[in-house]
Amino acid sequence: MLALGLSGPVAITAILMIALSAGFFGVVFGNRFGVQSPDAEAVLLLSSILCILSLPLFITLTSGM
């Protein structure tokens, strides 16, 4: 994050936000307006599964910052 000029708590927050799963609003809005997208649901499921791996990794990497 030094390339972006970020350091300290702001850099840690940005890195951890990258490690989070995709938001569910695409699925919610699709259901609300009657447009169901299997792609949005698949991305949500896949990113939630990958979040289980990425969050601990990024928390470990940022613990020394």
PDB file of N, CA and C in Angstrom:
ATOM      1  N   MET A   1       0.824  -1.195   0.000  1.00  0.00           N
ATOM      2  CA  MET A   1       0.000   0.000   0.000  1.00  0.00           C
ATOM      3  C   MET A   1       0.865   1.255   0.000  1.00  0.00           C
ATOM      4  N   LEU A   2       2.154   1.068   0.131  1.00  0.00           N
ATOM      5  CA  LEU A   2       3.035   2.225   0.085  1.00  0.00           C
ATOM      6  C   LEU A   2       2.998   2.893  -1.276  1.00  0.00           C
ATOM      7  N   ALA A   3       2.733   2.122  -2.332  1.00  0.00           N
ATOM      8  CA  ALA A   3       2.658   2.699  -3.673  1.00  0.00           C
ATOM      9  C   ALA A   3       1.510   3.702  -3.777  1.00  0.00           C
ATOM     10  N   LEU A   4       0.485   3.520  -2.981  1.00  0.00           N
ATOM     11  CA  LEU A   4      -0.652   4.435  -2.989  1.00  0.00           C
ATOM     12  C   LEU A   4      -0.507   5.550  -1.961  1.00  0.00           C
ATOM     13  N   GLY A   5       0.564   5.530  -1.211  1.00  0.00           N
ATOM     14  CA  GLY A   5       0.776   6.548  -0.199  1.00  0.00           C
ATOM     15  C   GLY A   5       0.018   6.295   1.090  1.00  0.00           C
ATOM     16  N   LEU A   6      -0.437   5.076   1.299  1.00  0.00           N
ATOM     17  CA  LEU A   6      -1.179   4.744   2.512  1.00  0.00           C
ATOM     18  C   LEU A   6      -0.264   4.072   3.516  1.00  0.00           C
ATOM     19  N   SER A   7      -0.500   4.346   4.781  1.00  0.00           N
ATOM     20  CA  SER A   7       0.269   3.681   5.830  1.00  0.00           C
ATOM     21  C   SER A   7      -0.579   3.616   7.094  1.00  0.00           C
ATOM     22  N   GLY A   8      -0.134   2.814   8.026  1.00  0.00           N
ATOM     23  CA  GLY A   8      -0.806   2.700   9.309  1.00  0.00           C
ATOM     24  C   GLY A   8      -2.191   2.093   9.222  1.00  0.00           C
ATOM     25  N   PRO A   9      -3.101   2.582  10.064  1.00  0.00           N
ATOM     26  CA  PRO A   9      -4.447   2.010  10.131  1.00  0.00           C
ATOM     27  C   PRO A   9      -5.217   2.095   8.811  1.00  0.00           C
ATOM     28  N   VAL A  10      -4.981   3.140   8.039  1.00  0.00           N
ATOM     29  CA  VAL A  10      -5.680   3.273   6.755  1.00  0.00           C
ATOM     30  C   VAL A  10      -5.248   2.163   5.807  1.00  0.00           C
ATOM     31  N   ALA A  11      -3.961   1.865   5.755  1.00  0.00           N
ATOM     32  CA  ALA A  11      -3.455   0.795   4.895  1.00  0.00           C
ATOM     33  C   ALA A  11      -3.979  -0.561   5.351  1.00  0.00           C
ATOM     34  N   ILE A  12      -3.985  -0.800   6.646  1.00  0.00           N
ATOM     35  CA  ILE A  12      -4.484  -2.075   7.179  1.00  0.00           C
ATOM     36  C   ILE A  12      -5.963  -2.247   6.833  1.00  0.00           C
ATOM     37  N   THR A  13      -6.742  -1.188   7.006  1.00  0.00           N
ATOM     38  CA  THR A  13      -8.167  -1.254   6.675  1.00  0.00           C
ATOM     39  C   THR A  13      -8.375  -1.534   5.194  1.00  0.00           C
ATOM     40  N   ALA A  14      -7.615  -0.871   4.340  1.00  0.00           N
ATOM     41  CA  ALA A  14      -7.745  -1.081   2.895  1.00  0.00           C
ATOM     42  C   ALA A  14      -7.383  -2.509   2.512  1.00  0.00           C
ATOM     43  N   ILE A  15      -6.327  -3.043   3.094  1.00  0.00           N
ATOM     44  CA  ILE A  15      -5.903  -4.411   2.786  1.00  0.00           C
ATOM     45  C   ILE A  15      -6.956  -5.410   3.242  1.00  0.00           C
ATOM     46  N   LEU A  16      -7.499  -5.231   4.431  1.00  0.00           N
ATOM     47  CA  LEU A  16      -8.520  -6.157   4.922  1.00  0.00           C
ATOM     48  C   LEU A  16      -9.824  -6.039   4.136  1.00  0.00           C
ATOM     49  N   MET A  17     -10.152  -4.855   3.646  1.00  0.00           N
ATOM     50  CA  MET A  17     -11.347  -4.709   2.811  1.00  0.00           C
ATOM     51  C   MET A  17     -11.194  -5.468   1.498  1.00  0.00           C
ATOM     52  N   ILE A  18      -9.973  -5.521   0.966  1.00  0.00           N
ATOM     53  CA  ILE A  18      -9.710  -6.277  -0.256  1.00  0.00           C
ATOM     54  C   ILE A  18      -9.935  -7.763  -0.015  1.00  0.00           C
ATOM     55  N   ALA A  19      -9.627  -8.239   1.190  1.00  0.00           N
ATOM     56  CA  ALA A  19      -9.734  -9.668   1.498  1.00  0.00           C
ATOM     57  C   ALA A  19     -11.170 -10.121   1.755  1.00  0.00           C
ATOM     58  N   LEU A  20     -12.093  -9.184   1.940  1.00  0.00           N
ATOM     59  CA  LEU A  20     -13.482  -9.552   2.231  1.00  0.00           C
ATOM     60  C   LEU A  20     -14.192 -10.091   0.996  1.00  0.00           C
ATOM     61  N   SER A  21     -15.281 -10.790   1.243  1.00  0.00           N
ATOM     62  CA  SER A  21     -16.058 -11.333   0.125  1.00  0.00           C
ATOM     63  C   SER A  21     -16.882 -10.231  -0.538  1.00  0.00           C
ATOM     64  N   ALA A  22     -17.361 -10.538  -1.737  1.00  0.00           N
ATOM     65  CA  ALA A  22     -18.194  -9.586  -2.478  1.00  0.00           C
ATOM     66  C   ALA A  22     -19.500  -9.355  -1.727  1.00  0.00           C
ATOM     67  N   GLY A  23     -20.040  -8.174  -1.867  1.00  0.00           N
ATOM     68  CA  GLY A  23     -21.302  -7.856  -1.209  1.00  0.00           C
ATOM     69  C   GLY A  23     -22.474  -8.588  -1.832  1.00  0.00           C
ATOM     70  N   PHE A  24     -23.525  -8.709  -1.076  1.00  0.00           N
ATOM     71  CA  PHE A  24     -24.697  -9.451  -1.521  1.00  0.00           C
ATOM     72  C   PHE A  24     -25.755  -8.555  -2.163  1.00  0.00           C
ATOM     73  N   PHE A  25     -25.452  -7.275  -2.336  1.00  0.00           N
ATOM     74  CA  PHE A  25     -26.469  -6.361  -2.847  1.00  0.00           C
ATOM     75  C   PHE A  25     -26.868  -6.661  -4.287  1.00  0.00           C
ATOM     76  N   GLY A  26     -25.968  -7.224  -5.088  1.00  0.00           N
ATOM     77  CA  GLY A  26     -26.339  -7.613  -6.447  1.00  0.00           C
ATOM     78  C   GLY A  26     -27.439  -8.648  -6.450  1.00  0.00           C
ATOM     79  N   VAL A  27     -27.348  -9.607  -5.543  1.00  0.00           N
ATOM     80  CA  VAL A  27     -28.377 -10.643  -5.423  1.00  0.00           C
ATOM     81  C   VAL A  27     -29.668 -10.044  -4.863  1.00  0.00           C
ATOM     82  N   VAL A  28     -29.541  -9.189  -3.852  1.00  0.00           N
ATOM     83  CA  VAL A  28     -30.723  -8.580  -3.229  1.00  0.00           C
ATOM     84  C   VAL A  28     -31.478  -7.705  -4.234  1.00  0.00           C
ATOM     85  N   PHE A  29     -30.757  -6.841  -4.946  1.00  0.00           N
ATOM     86  CA  PHE A  29     -31.421  -5.978  -5.923  1.00  0.00           C
ATOM     87  C   PHE A  29     -32.010  -6.793  -7.068  1.00  0.00           C
ATOM     88  N   GLY A  30     -31.314  -7.829  -7.492  1.00  0.00           N
ATOM     89  CA  GLY A  30     -31.845  -8.695  -8.542  1.00  0.00           C
ATOM     90  C   GLY A  30     -33.151  -9.346  -8.126  1.00  0.00           C
ATOM     91  N   ASN A  31     -33.203  -9.842  -6.907  1.00  0.00           N
ATOM     92  CA  ASN A  31     -34.439 -10.444  -6.397  1.00  0.00           C
ATOM     93  C   ASN A  31     -35.545  -9.407  -6.247  1.00  0.00           C
ATOM     94  N   ARG A  32     -35.170  -8.221  -5.824  1.00  0.00           N
ATOM     95  CA  ARG A  32     -36.162  -7.153  -5.605  1.00  0.00           C
ATOM     96  C   ARG A  32     -36.840  -6.744  -6.906  1.00  0.00           C
ATOM     97  N   PHE A  33     -36.058  -6.672  -7.986  1.00  0.00           N
ATOM     98  CA  PHE A  33     -36.587  -6.198  -9.257  1.00  0.00           C
ATOM     99  C   PHE A  33     -36.893  -7.327 -10.234  1.00  0.00           C
ATOM    100  N   GLY A  34     -36.886  -8.557  -9.741  1.00  0.00           N
ATOM    101  CA  GLY A  34     -37.282  -9.690 -10.561  1.00  0.00           C
ATOM    102  C   GLY A  34     -36.266 -10.121 -11.594  1.00  0.00           C
ATOM    103  N   VAL A  35     -35.019  -9.751 -11.398  1.00  0.00           N
ATOM    104  CA  VAL A  35     -33.960 -10.142 -12.328  1.00  0.00           C
ATOM    105  C   VAL A  35     -32.990 -11.027 -11.562  1.00  0.00           C
ATOM    106  N   GLN A  36     -33.148 -12.307 -11.685  1.00  0.00           N
ATOM    107  CA  GLN A  36     -32.303 -13.239 -10.944  1.00  0.00           C
ATOM    108  C   GLN A  36     -31.087 -13.578 -11.798  1.00  0.00           C
ATOM    109  N   SER A  37     -29.917 -13.403 -11.245  1.00  0.00           N
ATOM    110  CA  SER A  37     -28.688 -13.663 -11.985  1.00  0.00           C
ATOM    111  C   SER A  37     -27.919 -14.799 -11.329  1.00  0.00           C
ATOM    112  N   PRO A  38     -27.802 -15.920 -12.011  1.00  0.00           N
ATOM    113  CA  PRO A  38     -26.994 -17.017 -11.467  1.00  0.00           C
ATOM    114  C   PRO A  38     -25.526 -16.622 -11.314  1.00  0.00           C
ATOM    115  N   ASP A  39     -25.069 -15.699 -12.172  1.00  0.00           N
ATOM    116  CA  ASP A  39     -23.676 -15.256 -12.073  1.00  0.00           C
ATOM    117  C   ASP A  39     -23.433 -14.495 -10.771  1.00  0.00           C
ATOM    118  N   ALA A  40     -24.354 -13.612 -10.403  1.00  0.00           N
ATOM    119  CA  ALA A  40     -24.204 -12.853  -9.161  1.00  0.00           C
ATOM    120  C   ALA A  40     -24.215 -13.786  -7.963  1.00  0.00           C
ATOM    121  N   GLU A  41     -25.072 -14.774  -7.996  1.00  0.00           N
ATOM    122  CA  GLU A  41     -25.138 -15.730  -6.888  1.00  0.00           C
ATOM    123  C   GLU A  41     -23.879 -16.579  -6.822  1.00  0.00           C
ATOM    124  N   ALA A  42     -23.345 -16.969  -7.977  1.00  0.00           N
ATOM    125  CA  ALA A  42     -22.123 -17.779  -8.012  1.00  0.00           C
ATOM    126  C   ALA A  42     -20.925 -16.988  -7.510  1.00  0.00           C
ATOM    127  N   VAL A  43     -20.847 -15.713  -7.898  1.00  0.00           N
ATOM    128  CA  VAL A  43     -19.743 -14.867  -7.431  1.00  0.00           C
ATOM    129  C   VAL A  43     -19.816 -14.685  -5.925  1.00  0.00           C
ATOM    130  N   LEU A  44     -21.008 -14.484  -5.400  1.00  0.00           N
ATOM    131  CA  LEU A  44     -21.172 -14.331  -3.954  1.00  0.00           C
ATOM    132  C   LEU A  44     -20.738 -15.592  -3.223  1.00  0.00           C
ATOM    133  N   LEU A  45     -21.147 -16.748  -3.710  1.00  0.00           N
ATOM    134  CA  LEU A  45     -20.774 -18.010  -3.082  1.00  0.00           C
ATOM    135  C   LEU A  45     -19.269 -18.243  -3.161  1.00  0.00           C
ATOM    136  N   LEU A  46     -18.689 -18.059  -4.333  1.00  0.00           N
ATOM    137  CA  LEU A  46     -17.256 -18.294  -4.509  1.00  0.00           C
ATOM    138  C   LEU A  46     -16.421 -17.324  -3.678  1.00  0.00           C
ATOM    139  N   SER A  47     -16.795 -16.049  -3.667  1.00  0.00           N
ATOM    140  CA  SER A  47     -16.014 -15.085  -2.895  1.00  0.00           C
ATOM    141  C   SER A  47     -16.147 -15.323  -1.395  1.00  0.00           C
ATOM    142  N   SER A  48     -17.291 -15.820  -0.949  1.00  0.00           N
ATOM    143  CA  SER A  48     -17.447 -16.149   0.472  1.00  0.00           C
ATOM    144  C   SER A  48     -16.569 -17.326   0.861  1.00  0.00           C
ATOM    145  N   ILE A  49     -16.477 -18.314  -0.016  1.00  0.00           N
ATOM    146  CA  ILE A  49     -15.611 -19.465   0.255  1.00  0.00           C
ATOM    147  C   ILE A  49     -14.147 -19.042   0.255  1.00  0.00           C
ATOM    148  N   LEU A  50     -13.750 -18.230  -0.726  1.00  0.00           N
ATOM    149  CA  LEU A  50     -12.359 -17.776  -0.793  1.00  0.00           C
ATOM    150  C   LEU A  50     -12.007 -16.830   0.349  1.00  0.00           C
ATOM    151  N   CYS A  51     -13.003 -16.146   0.893  1.00  0.00           N
ATOM    152  CA  CYS A  51     -12.782 -15.245   2.024  1.00  0.00           C
ATOM    153  C   CYS A  51     -12.292 -16.013   3.249  1.00  0.00           C
ATOM    154  N   ILE A  52     -12.732 -17.259   3.372  1.00  0.00           N
ATOM    155  CA  ILE A  52     -12.291 -18.096   4.488  1.00  0.00           C
ATOM    156  C   ILE A  52     -10.778 -18.282   4.445  1.00  0.00           C
ATOM    157  N   LEU A  53     -10.214 -18.308   3.250  1.00  0.00           N
ATOM    158  CA  LEU A  53      -8.765 -18.451   3.101  1.00  0.00           C
ATOM    159  C   LEU A  53      -8.044 -17.104   3.110  1.00  0.00           C
ATOM    160  N   SER A  54      -8.631 -16.115   2.458  1.00  0.00           N
ATOM    161  CA  SER A  54      -7.915 -14.851   2.289  1.00  0.00           C
ATOM    162  C   SER A  54      -7.874 -13.996   3.552  1.00  0.00           C
ATOM    163  N   LEU A  55      -8.936 -13.982   4.340  1.00  0.00           N
ATOM    164  CA  LEU A  55      -8.931 -13.138   5.538  1.00  0.00           C
ATOM    165  C   LEU A  55      -7.836 -13.503   6.534  1.00  0.00           C
ATOM    166  N   PRO A  56      -7.696 -14.777   6.932  1.00  0.00           N
ATOM    167  CA  PRO A  56      -6.603 -15.096   7.858  1.00  0.00           C
ATOM    168  C   PRO A  56      -5.224 -14.770   7.281  1.00  0.00           C
ATOM    169  N   LEU A  57      -5.064 -14.985   5.982  1.00  0.00           N
ATOM    170  CA  LEU A  57      -3.787 -14.675   5.340  1.00  0.00           C
ATOM    171  C   LEU A  57      -3.485 -13.183   5.421  1.00  0.00           C
ATOM    172  N   PHE A  58      -4.441 -12.347   5.051  1.00  0.00           N
ATOM    173  CA  PHE A  58      -4.214 -10.912   5.064  1.00  0.00           C
ATOM    174  C   PHE A  58      -4.127 -10.358   6.484  1.00  0.00           C
ATOM    175  N   ILE A  59      -4.831 -10.940   7.431  1.00  0.00           N
ATOM    176  CA  ILE A  59      -4.700 -10.513   8.829  1.00  0.00           C
ATOM    177  C   ILE A  59      -3.288 -10.800   9.320  1.00  0.00           C
ATOM    178  N   THR A  60      -2.759 -11.969   8.968  1.00  0.00           N
ATOM    179  CA  THR A  60      -1.385 -12.313   9.347  1.00  0.00           C
ATOM    180  C   THR A  60      -0.390 -11.365   8.697  1.00  0.00           C
ATOM    181  N   LEU A  61      -0.600 -11.061   7.426  1.00  0.00           N
ATOM    182  CA  LEU A  61       0.325 -10.174   6.718  1.00  0.00           C
ATOM    183  C   LEU A  61       0.302  -8.753   7.267  1.00  0.00           C
ATOM    184  N   THR A  62      -0.836  -8.286   7.744  1.00  0.00           N
ATOM    185  CA  THR A  62      -0.922  -6.916   8.246  1.00  0.00           C
ATOM    186  C   THR A  62      -0.638  -6.802   9.738  1.00  0.00           C
ATOM    187  N   SER A  63      -0.432  -7.904  10.419  1.00  0.00           N
ATOM    188  CA  SER A  63      -0.214  -7.827  11.867  1.00  0.00           C
ATOM    189  C   SER A  63       1.083  -7.114  12.224  1.00  0.00           C
ATOM    190  N   GLY A  64       2.035  -7.069  11.316  1.00  0.00           N
ATOM    191  CA  GLY A  64       3.299  -6.397  11.596  1.00  0.00           C
ATOM    192  C   GLY A  64       3.339  -4.949  11.163  1.00  0.00           C
ATOM    193  N   MET A  65       2.255  -4.423  10.637  1.00  0.00           N
ATOM    194  CA  MET A  65       2.262  -3.043  10.121  1.00  0.00           C
ATOM    195  C   MET A  65       2.088  -2.038  11.235  1.00  0.00           C
TER     196      MET A  65
END
